C-alpha atoms as a PDB file:
ATOM      1  CA  MET A   1     -25.713  61.015 -56.431  1.00  0.00           C
ATOM      2  CA  THR A   2     -23.981  58.880 -58.967  1.00  0.00           C
ATOM      3  CA  MET A   3     -23.825  55.127 -58.142  1.00  0.00           C
ATOM      4  CA  ILE A   4     -20.552  53.313 -58.868  1.00  0.00           C
ATOM      5  CA  LYS A   5     -21.206  49.884 -60.300  1.00  0.00           C
ATOM      6  CA  ARG A   6     -18.695  47.067 -59.638  1.00  0.00           C
ATOM      7  CA  PRO A   7     -17.986  45.012 -62.679  1.00  0.00           C
ATOM      8  CA  PRO A   8     -18.924  41.307 -62.504  1.00  0.00           C
ATOM      9  CA  THR A   9     -15.262  40.325 -62.859  1.00  0.00           C
ATOM     10  CA  PHE A  10     -14.443  41.983 -59.516  1.00  0.00           C
ATOM     11  CA  ILE A  11     -17.100  39.956 -57.662  1.00  0.00           C
ATOM     12  CA  LEU A  12     -15.931  36.739 -59.280  1.00  0.00           C
ATOM     13  CA  THR A  13     -12.327  37.488 -58.245  1.00  0.00           C
ATOM     14  CA  VAL A  14     -13.337  37.992 -54.590  1.00  0.00           C
ATOM     15  CA  PHE A  15     -15.180  34.654 -54.504  1.00  0.00           C
ATOM     16  CA  ALA A  16     -12.214  32.949 -56.140  1.00  0.00           C
ATOM     17  CA  ILE A  17      -9.787  34.284 -53.461  1.00  0.00           C
ATOM     18  CA  ILE A  18     -12.095  33.126 -50.638  1.00  0.00           C
ATOM     19  CA  ALA A  19     -12.423  29.674 -52.183  1.00  0.00           C
ATOM     20  CA  ILE A  20      -8.662  29.303 -52.671  1.00  0.00           C
ATOM     21  CA  ASN A  21      -7.862  30.423 -49.111  1.00  0.00           C
ATOM     22  CA  GLY A  22     -10.490  28.099 -47.656  1.00  0.00           C
ATOM     23  CA  SER A  23      -9.122  25.158 -49.602  1.00  0.00           C
ATOM     24  CA  SER A  24      -5.537  25.979 -48.519  1.00  0.00           C
ATOM     25  CA  THR A  25      -6.525  26.280 -44.863  1.00  0.00           C
ATOM     26  CA  PHE A  26      -8.301  22.921 -44.992  1.00  0.00           C
ATOM     27  CA  SER A  27      -5.374  21.218 -46.691  1.00  0.00           C
ATOM     28  CA  GLN A  28      -2.975  22.545 -44.027  1.00  0.00           C
ATOM     29  CA  LYS A  29      -5.029  21.301 -41.081  1.00  0.00           C
ATOM     30  CA  ALA A  30      -2.840  19.704 -38.396  1.00  0.00           C
ATOM     31  CA  PRO A  31      -3.115  15.892 -38.109  1.00  0.00           C
ATOM     32  CA  ASP A  32      -4.919  14.361 -35.142  1.00  0.00           C
ATOM     33  CA  PHE A  33      -2.802  14.166 -31.974  1.00  0.00           C
ATOM     34  CA  SER A  34      -0.815  10.953 -31.545  1.00  0.00           C
ATOM     35  CA  ASN A  35       1.923   9.955 -29.113  1.00  0.00           C
ATOM     36  CA  ASP A  36       3.672   8.274 -32.055  1.00  0.00           C
ATOM     37  CA  ILE A  37       4.009  11.641 -33.769  1.00  0.00           C
ATOM     38  CA  MET A  38       5.256  13.435 -30.659  1.00  0.00           C
ATOM     39  CA  MET A  39       7.887  10.853 -29.702  1.00  0.00           C
ATOM     40  CA  ASP A  40      11.527  11.895 -30.081  1.00  0.00           C
ATOM     41  CA  ASP A  41      13.389   9.487 -32.364  1.00  0.00           C
ATOM     42  CA  GLN A  42      16.839  10.597 -31.251  1.00  0.00           C
ATOM     43  CA  THR A  43      18.927   8.093 -29.279  1.00  0.00           C
ATOM     44  CA  HIS A  44      20.014   9.197 -25.795  1.00  0.00           C
ATOM     45  CA  VAL A  45      22.134   7.653 -23.030  1.00  0.00           C
ATOM     46  CA  PHE A  46      21.502   8.071 -19.293  1.00  0.00           C
ATOM     47  CA  PHE A  47      23.167   6.612 -16.203  1.00  0.00           C
ATOM     48  CA  MET A  48      22.439   7.221 -12.508  1.00  0.00           C
ATOM     49  CA  THR A  49      23.843   5.940  -9.247  1.00  0.00           C
ATOM     50  CA  ASP A  50      20.777   6.681  -7.150  1.00  0.00           C
ATOM     51  CA  ARG A  51      22.334   5.229  -3.991  1.00  0.00           C
ATOM     52  CA  LEU A  52      25.971   4.643  -3.170  1.00  0.00           C
ATOM     53  CA  GLU A  53      26.021   4.631   0.601  1.00  0.00           C
ATOM     54  CA  TYR A  54      27.579   3.390   3.807  1.00  0.00           C
ATOM     55  CA  TYR A  55      25.350   2.072   6.606  1.00  0.00           C
ATOM     56  CA  ASN A  56      26.264   2.550  10.261  1.00  0.00           C
ATOM     57  CA  ILE A  57      24.265  -0.185  12.042  1.00  0.00           C
ATOM     58  CA  ASP A  58      24.732  -2.681  14.847  1.00  0.00           C
ATOM     59  CA  GLY A  59      27.009  -5.415  13.549  1.00  0.00           C
ATOM     60  CA  PRO A  60      29.022  -5.417  10.302  1.00  0.00           C
ATOM     61  CA  ASP A  61      28.458  -2.151   8.441  1.00  0.00           C
ATOM     62  CA  PRO A  62      27.504  -2.712   4.776  1.00  0.00           C
ATOM     63  CA  ILE A  63      28.067  -0.678   1.634  1.00  0.00           C
ATOM     64  CA  VAL A  64      24.927  -0.494  -0.511  1.00  0.00           C
ATOM     65  CA  TRP A  65      24.506   0.548  -4.133  1.00  0.00           C
ATOM     66  CA  ASP A  66      21.596   1.041  -6.503  1.00  0.00           C
ATOM     67  CA  ALA A  67      22.532   2.026 -10.067  1.00  0.00           C
ATOM     68  CA  GLN A  68      20.616   2.068 -13.324  1.00  0.00           C
ATOM     69  CA  GLY A  69      20.888   3.426 -16.824  1.00  0.00           C
ATOM     70  CA  TRP A  70      19.402   3.233 -20.302  1.00  0.00           C
ATOM     71  CA  ILE A  71      20.091   3.811 -23.956  1.00  0.00           C
ATOM     72  CA  GLY A  72      17.376   4.450 -26.515  1.00  0.00           C
ATOM     73  CA  THR A  73      14.616   6.789 -27.624  1.00  0.00           C
ATOM     74  CA  ASP A  74      11.625   8.189 -25.753  1.00  0.00           C
ATOM     75  CA  LYS A  75       9.581   5.150 -26.762  1.00  0.00           C
ATOM     76  CA  HIS A  76      12.062   2.249 -26.847  1.00  0.00           C
ATOM     77  CA  LYS A  77      14.958   1.741 -24.419  1.00  0.00           C
ATOM     78  CA  PHE A  78      17.354  -0.880 -23.151  1.00  0.00           C
ATOM     79  CA  TRP A  79      17.703  -0.635 -19.346  1.00  0.00           C
ATOM     80  CA  PHE A  80      20.470  -1.920 -17.102  1.00  0.00           C
ATOM     81  CA  LYS A  81      19.919  -2.116 -13.340  1.00  0.00           C
ATOM     82  CA  SER A  82      22.178  -3.239 -10.529  1.00  0.00           C
ATOM     83  CA  GLU A  83      21.851  -3.178  -6.770  1.00  0.00           C
ATOM     84  CA  GLY A  84      23.510  -4.964  -3.906  1.00  0.00           C
ATOM     85  CA  GLU A  85      25.026  -4.994  -0.467  1.00  0.00           C
ATOM     86  CA  ALA A  86      28.528  -5.942   0.665  1.00  0.00           C
ATOM     87  CA  LEU A  87      29.755  -6.190   4.259  1.00  0.00           C
ATOM     88  CA  THR A  88      32.869  -4.165   5.005  1.00  0.00           C
ATOM     89  CA  ILE A  89      34.609  -6.499   7.488  1.00  0.00           C
ATOM     90  CA  GLU A  90      33.473  -9.886   6.179  1.00  0.00           C
ATOM     91  CA  LYS A  91      33.450 -11.547   2.793  1.00  0.00           C
ATOM     92  CA  GLU A  92      29.690 -11.650   2.452  1.00  0.00           C
ATOM     93  CA  GLY A  93      27.141  -9.921   0.285  1.00  0.00           C
ATOM     94  CA  GLU A  94      24.509 -10.129  -2.409  1.00  0.00           C
ATOM     95  CA  MET A  95      24.151  -8.577  -5.864  1.00  0.00           C
ATOM     96  CA  GLU A  96      21.385  -8.252  -8.434  1.00  0.00           C
ATOM     97  CA  PHE A  97      21.647  -7.434 -12.150  1.00  0.00           C
ATOM     98  CA  GLN A  98      18.869  -6.791 -14.658  1.00  0.00           C
ATOM     99  CA  GLY A  99      18.803  -6.290 -18.429  1.00  0.00           C
ATOM    100  CA  LEU A 100      15.440  -5.052 -19.708  1.00  0.00           C
ATOM    101  CA  TYR A 101      13.672  -3.904 -22.854  1.00  0.00           C
ATOM    102  CA  SER A 102      11.437  -0.939 -22.043  1.00  0.00           C
ATOM    103  CA  ARG A 103       8.548   0.513 -24.038  1.00  0.00           C
ATOM    104  CA  ALA A 104       6.546   3.630 -23.200  1.00  0.00           C
ATOM    105  CA  VAL A 105       2.897   2.707 -22.666  1.00  0.00           C
ATOM    106  CA  SER A 106       1.760   6.151 -21.465  1.00  0.00           C
ATOM    107  CA  PRO A 107       3.297   9.610 -21.037  1.00  0.00           C
ATOM    108  CA  TYR A 108       4.414   8.607 -17.517  1.00  0.00           C
ATOM    109  CA  PHE A 109       5.009   4.842 -17.491  1.00  0.00           C
ATOM    110  CA  ASP A 110       7.212   2.293 -19.259  1.00  0.00           C
ATOM    111  CA  LEU A 111       6.511  -1.437 -19.449  1.00  0.00           C
ATOM    112  CA  GLN A 112       9.712  -3.443 -18.990  1.00  0.00           C
ATOM    113  CA  THR A 113      10.583  -7.066 -19.663  1.00  0.00           C
ATOM    114  CA  GLY A 114      13.843  -8.998 -19.577  1.00  0.00           C
ATOM    115  CA  VAL A 115      16.091 -11.035 -17.308  1.00  0.00           C
ATOM    116  CA  ARG A 116      17.574 -10.763 -13.824  1.00  0.00           C
ATOM    117  CA  TYR A 117      20.440 -12.610 -12.179  1.00  0.00           C
ATOM    118  CA  ASP A 118      21.125 -12.753  -8.411  1.00  0.00           C
ATOM    119  CA  VAL A 119      24.398 -13.687  -6.718  1.00  0.00           C
ATOM    120  CA  MET A 120      24.945 -14.392  -3.016  1.00  0.00           C
ATOM    121  CA  TYR A 121      28.466 -15.004  -1.745  1.00  0.00           C
ATOM    122  CA  ASN A 122      30.394 -15.672   1.464  1.00  0.00           C
ATOM    123  CA  ARG A 123      33.638 -17.338   2.553  1.00  0.00           C
ATOM    124  CA  GLU A 124      32.259 -20.762   1.709  1.00  0.00           C
ATOM    125  CA  GLY A 125      31.480 -19.882  -1.905  1.00  0.00           C
ATOM    126  CA  ASN A 126      28.679 -18.318  -3.910  1.00  0.00           C
ATOM    127  CA  ASP A 127      25.306 -19.216  -5.352  1.00  0.00           C
ATOM    128  CA  GLY A 128      23.156 -17.641  -8.032  1.00  0.00           C
ATOM    129  CA  ARG A 129      19.859 -17.940  -9.856  1.00  0.00           C
ATOM    130  CA  ALA A 130      18.204 -16.394 -12.906  1.00  0.00           C
ATOM    131  CA  PHE A 131      14.742 -14.853 -13.364  1.00  0.00           C
ATOM    132  CA  GLY A 132      12.390 -13.712 -16.074  1.00  0.00           C
ATOM    133  CA  VAL A 133      11.122 -10.177 -15.398  1.00  0.00           C
ATOM    134  CA  ILE A 134       8.098  -8.086 -16.230  1.00  0.00           C
ATOM    135  CA  GLY A 135       7.774  -4.692 -14.588  1.00  0.00           C
ATOM    136  CA  LEU A 136       6.432  -1.155 -14.634  1.00  0.00           C
ATOM    137  CA  HIS A 137       8.539   1.956 -14.121  1.00  0.00           C
ATOM    138  CA  GLY A 138       7.447   5.570 -14.092  1.00  0.00           C
ATOM    139  CA  MET A 139       5.892   8.527 -12.329  1.00  0.00           C
ATOM    140  CA  ALA A 140       2.685   8.087 -10.344  1.00  0.00           C
ATOM    141  CA  PRO A 141       0.350  11.038  -9.572  1.00  0.00           C
ATOM    142  CA  TYR A 142       1.885  13.731  -7.343  1.00  0.00           C
ATOM    143  CA  PHE A 143       5.340  12.880  -8.785  1.00  0.00           C
ATOM    144  CA  PHE A 144       5.973   9.670  -6.858  1.00  0.00           C
ATOM    145  CA  GLU A 145       8.582   7.629  -8.725  1.00  0.00           C
ATOM    146  CA  VAL A 146       7.493   3.981  -8.764  1.00  0.00           C
ATOM    147  CA  ASP A 147       9.417   0.869  -9.812  1.00  0.00           C
ATOM    148  CA  GLY A 148       7.738  -2.535  -9.583  1.00  0.00           C
ATOM    149  CA  GLY A 149       8.594  -5.961 -10.918  1.00  0.00           C
ATOM    150  CA  LEU A 150       7.245  -9.503 -11.060  1.00  0.00           C
ATOM    151  CA  PHE A 151       9.898 -12.254 -11.210  1.00  0.00           C
ATOM    152  CA  VAL A 152       9.812 -15.955 -12.082  1.00  0.00           C
ATOM    153  CA  SER A 153      13.009 -17.862 -11.249  1.00  0.00           C
ATOM    154  CA  GLN A 154      14.598 -20.696 -13.202  1.00  0.00           C
ATOM    155  CA  ASP A 155      12.987 -23.076 -10.684  1.00  0.00           C
ATOM    156  CA  GLY A 156       9.523 -21.551 -11.081  1.00  0.00           C
ATOM    157  CA  ASP A 157       9.594 -19.488  -7.853  1.00  0.00           C
ATOM    158  CA  VAL A 158       7.457 -16.346  -8.119  1.00  0.00           C
ATOM    159  CA  SER A 159       8.246 -13.080  -6.311  1.00  0.00           C
ATOM    160  CA  ALA A 160       7.584  -9.360  -6.598  1.00  0.00           C
ATOM    161  CA  VAL A 161       9.166  -6.072  -5.547  1.00  0.00           C
ATOM    162  CA  VAL A 162       7.624  -2.593  -5.275  1.00  0.00           C
ATOM    163  CA  GLU A 163       9.689   0.543  -4.601  1.00  0.00           C
ATOM    164  CA  GLY A 164       8.644   4.175  -4.382  1.00  0.00           C
ATOM    165  CA  GLU A 165      10.347   7.464  -3.638  1.00  0.00           C
ATOM    166  CA  TYR A 166       9.506  11.160  -3.708  1.00  0.00           C
ATOM    167  CA  ASP A 167      11.688  14.258  -4.022  1.00  0.00           C
ATOM    168  CA  LEU A 168      10.674  16.969  -1.559  1.00  0.00           C
ATOM    169  CA  LEU A 169      12.236  20.282  -2.648  1.00  0.00           C
ATOM    170  CA  ILE A 170      13.245  22.188   0.506  1.00  0.00           C
ATOM    171  CA  THR A 171      15.410  24.758  -1.295  1.00  0.00           C
ATOM    172  CA  GLN A 172      16.801  24.896  -4.836  1.00  0.00           C
ATOM    173  CA  ARG A 173      19.703  22.673  -3.729  1.00  0.00           C
ATOM    174  CA  LEU A 174      18.480  20.893  -0.588  1.00  0.00           C
ATOM    175  CA  VAL A 175      16.174  17.940  -1.308  1.00  0.00           C
ATOM    176  CA  GLY A 176      14.535  15.464   1.070  1.00  0.00           C
ATOM    177  CA  GLN A 177      13.714  12.013  -0.278  1.00  0.00           C
ATOM    178  CA  PRO A 178      11.446   9.571   1.599  1.00  0.00           C
ATOM    179  CA  ARG A 179      11.728   6.025   0.241  1.00  0.00           C
ATOM    180  CA  PHE A 180       9.659   2.836   0.591  1.00  0.00           C
ATOM    181  CA  ALA A 181      10.270  -0.740  -0.602  1.00  0.00           C
ATOM    182  CA  THR A 182       8.637  -4.099   0.018  1.00  0.00           C
ATOM    183  CA  LYS A 183       9.146  -7.657  -1.243  1.00  0.00           C
ATOM    184  CA  PHE A 184       6.770 -10.583  -1.650  1.00  0.00           C
ATOM    185  CA  ALA A 185       7.387 -14.270  -2.460  1.00  0.00           C
ATOM    186  CA  VAL A 186       4.889 -16.991  -3.314  1.00  0.00           C
ATOM    187  CA  GLN A 187       7.195 -19.897  -2.389  1.00  0.00           C
ATOM    188  CA  GLU A 188       9.723 -20.381   0.399  1.00  0.00           C
ATOM    189  CA  VAL A 189      13.348 -20.542  -0.801  1.00  0.00           C
ATOM    190  CA  PRO A 190      15.372 -21.308   2.367  1.00  0.00           C
ATOM    191  CA  GLU A 191      18.731 -21.583   0.583  1.00  0.00           C
ATOM    192  CA  PHE A 192      18.419 -17.871  -0.200  1.00  0.00           C
ATOM    193  CA  GLY A 193      16.911 -16.981   3.174  1.00  0.00           C
ATOM    194  CA  ILE A 194      13.484 -16.203   1.692  1.00  0.00           C
ATOM    195  CA  GLY A 195      10.145 -17.132   3.218  1.00  0.00           C
ATOM    196  CA  SER A 196       6.733 -17.042   1.571  1.00  0.00           C
ATOM    197  CA  GLY A 197       4.437 -14.032   1.824  1.00  0.00           C
ATOM    198  CA  PHE A 198       5.512 -10.452   2.413  1.00  0.00           C
ATOM    199  CA  ASN A 199       9.079 -10.940   3.576  1.00  0.00           C
ATOM    200  CA  ARG A 200      10.634  -7.478   3.882  1.00  0.00           C
ATOM    201  CA  ILE A 201       9.725  -3.827   4.317  1.00  0.00           C
ATOM    202  CA  GLN A 202      12.172  -0.942   4.129  1.00  0.00           C
ATOM    203  CA  LEU A 203      11.637   2.712   5.022  1.00  0.00           C
ATOM    204  CA  GLY A 204      14.193   5.459   4.622  1.00  0.00           C
ATOM    205  CA  PHE A 205      14.756   9.184   4.406  1.00  0.00           C
ATOM    206  CA  ARG A 206      17.696  10.883   2.710  1.00  0.00           C
ATOM    207  CA  LEU A 207      18.602  14.558   2.785  1.00  0.00           C
ATOM    208  CA  ARG A 208      20.841  15.515  -0.124  1.00  0.00           C
ATOM    209  CA  TYR A 209      22.608  18.701  -1.114  1.00  0.00           C
ATOM    210  CA  GLU A 210      22.995  19.179  -4.849  1.00  0.00           C
ATOM    211  CA  ILE A 211      26.417  20.721  -5.424  1.00  0.00           C
ATOM    212  CA  LYS A 212      25.159  20.580  -8.990  1.00  0.00           C
ATOM    213  CA  ARG A 213      22.212  18.616 -10.324  1.00  0.00           C
ATOM    214  CA  GLU A 214      24.442  15.739 -11.347  1.00  0.00           C
ATOM    215  CA  LEU A 215      26.322  15.424  -8.026  1.00  0.00           C
ATOM    216  CA  ALA A 216      24.754  15.338  -4.568  1.00  0.00           C
ATOM    217  CA  PRO A 217      26.106  13.960  -1.260  1.00  0.00           C
ATOM    218  CA  TYR A 218      23.479  12.972   1.293  1.00  0.00           C
ATOM    219  CA  ILE A 219      22.843  11.733   4.812  1.00  0.00           C
ATOM    220  CA  GLY A 220      19.844   9.877   6.132  1.00  0.00           C
ATOM    221  CA  LEU A 221      18.138   7.145   8.135  1.00  0.00           C
ATOM    222  CA  SER A 222      17.088   3.649   7.087  1.00  0.00           C
ATOM    223  CA  TRP A 223      14.985   0.964   8.771  1.00  0.00           C
ATOM    224  CA  THR A 224      14.583  -2.563   7.414  1.00  0.00           C
ATOM    225  CA  ARG A 225      12.352  -5.248   8.884  1.00  0.00           C
ATOM    226  CA  LYS A 226      12.194  -8.855   7.666  1.00  0.00           C
ATOM    227  CA  LEU A 227       8.777 -10.447   8.080  1.00  0.00           C
ATOM    228  CA  GLY A 228       7.203 -13.863   8.613  1.00  0.00           C
ATOM    229  CA  GLN A 229       9.194 -16.929   7.591  1.00  0.00           C
ATOM    230  CA  THR A 230      12.039 -14.750   6.306  1.00  0.00           C
ATOM    231  CA  ALA A 231      12.476 -13.278   9.787  1.00  0.00           C
ATOM    232  CA  ASP A 232      12.441 -16.812  11.278  1.00  0.00           C
ATOM    233  CA  LEU A 233      15.144 -17.975   8.857  1.00  0.00           C
ATOM    234  CA  THR A 234      17.279 -14.943   9.739  1.00  0.00           C
ATOM    235  CA  ILE A 235      16.976 -15.644  13.466  1.00  0.00           C
ATOM    236  CA  LEU A 236      17.894 -19.309  12.938  1.00  0.00           C
ATOM    237  CA  GLU A 237      21.084 -18.161  11.213  1.00  0.00           C
ATOM    238  CA  GLY A 238      21.918 -15.880  14.145  1.00  0.00           C
ATOM    239  CA  GLY A 239      20.939 -12.624  12.439  1.00  0.00           C
ATOM    240  CA  ASP A 240      18.717  -9.722  13.455  1.00  0.00           C
ATOM    241  CA  PRO A 241      15.467  -9.412  11.449  1.00  0.00           C
ATOM    242  CA  SER A 242      15.266  -5.681  12.176  1.00  0.00           C
ATOM    243  CA  THR A 243      18.004  -3.131  11.457  1.00  0.00           C
ATOM    244  CA  PHE A 244      18.079   0.630  11.902  1.00  0.00           C
ATOM    245  CA  GLY A 245      20.989   2.843  11.038  1.00  0.00           C
ATOM    246  CA  LEU A 246      22.475   6.091   9.816  1.00  0.00           C
ATOM    247  CA  ILE A 247      23.520   6.462   6.196  1.00  0.00           C
ATOM    248  CA  GLY A 248      25.941   8.627   4.285  1.00  0.00           C
ATOM    249  CA  GLY A 249      26.254   8.474   0.529  1.00  0.00           C
ATOM    250  CA  LEU A 250      26.517  10.034  -2.890  1.00  0.00           C
ATOM    251  CA  ARG A 251      23.983  10.387  -5.707  1.00  0.00           C
ATOM    252  CA  MET A 252      25.237  11.150  -9.221  1.00  0.00           C
ATOM    253  CA  TRP A 253      24.062  10.966 -12.810  1.00  0.00           C
ATOM    254  CA  PHE A 254      25.032  11.902 -16.323  1.00  0.00           C
END
């Protein structure tokens, strides 16, 4: 049998191809993972009226709203929040407005800081006060949406709010939403009807039907209980510290 000898140039060529490919593969290695690389730099706008509802309770029936929106990127946003309550048969109500800078601190949570302004009004006039705000907004494990804030008023009064809600998918269009909220104050502020300590707890359940994702009417139940000194101040003013009622409303976003 005759042996076929490979010339030395062939062997050198093979080694050269392997070396070049290895060098190219190394040079094209993906960079280490970083949230900064994955963030979307495009600017987006979002607005939602999470609650726009009518309460049927004992006494004057209020209209309640809770709206929020933002403009910005995945990492940096400017948030606007507003919520309030207005009685339907009396000139009386309260409103809250917030303007916040928000920065993503994890894939699921944003740290927010900014200002808040409250207004209370009735037939005799209105009163307001400003706050500094620091808060946390995002999605807790098991997809609970959480919104919490710590507030310091212009007079140095310290308070906090924690809210949570969860979307329970019954069908593709029918969604149940349990909701929880509580408030805490370090100091008593009687002119605003606020006592120290935990002063309010609110539980609710809303059943919405999504005509489309952006538009959903709903019905539900809501129970609110004022606690401690806040309940005492409400009773002194002739009010009821505990309210339970039916709700009907509309949720929409774009």
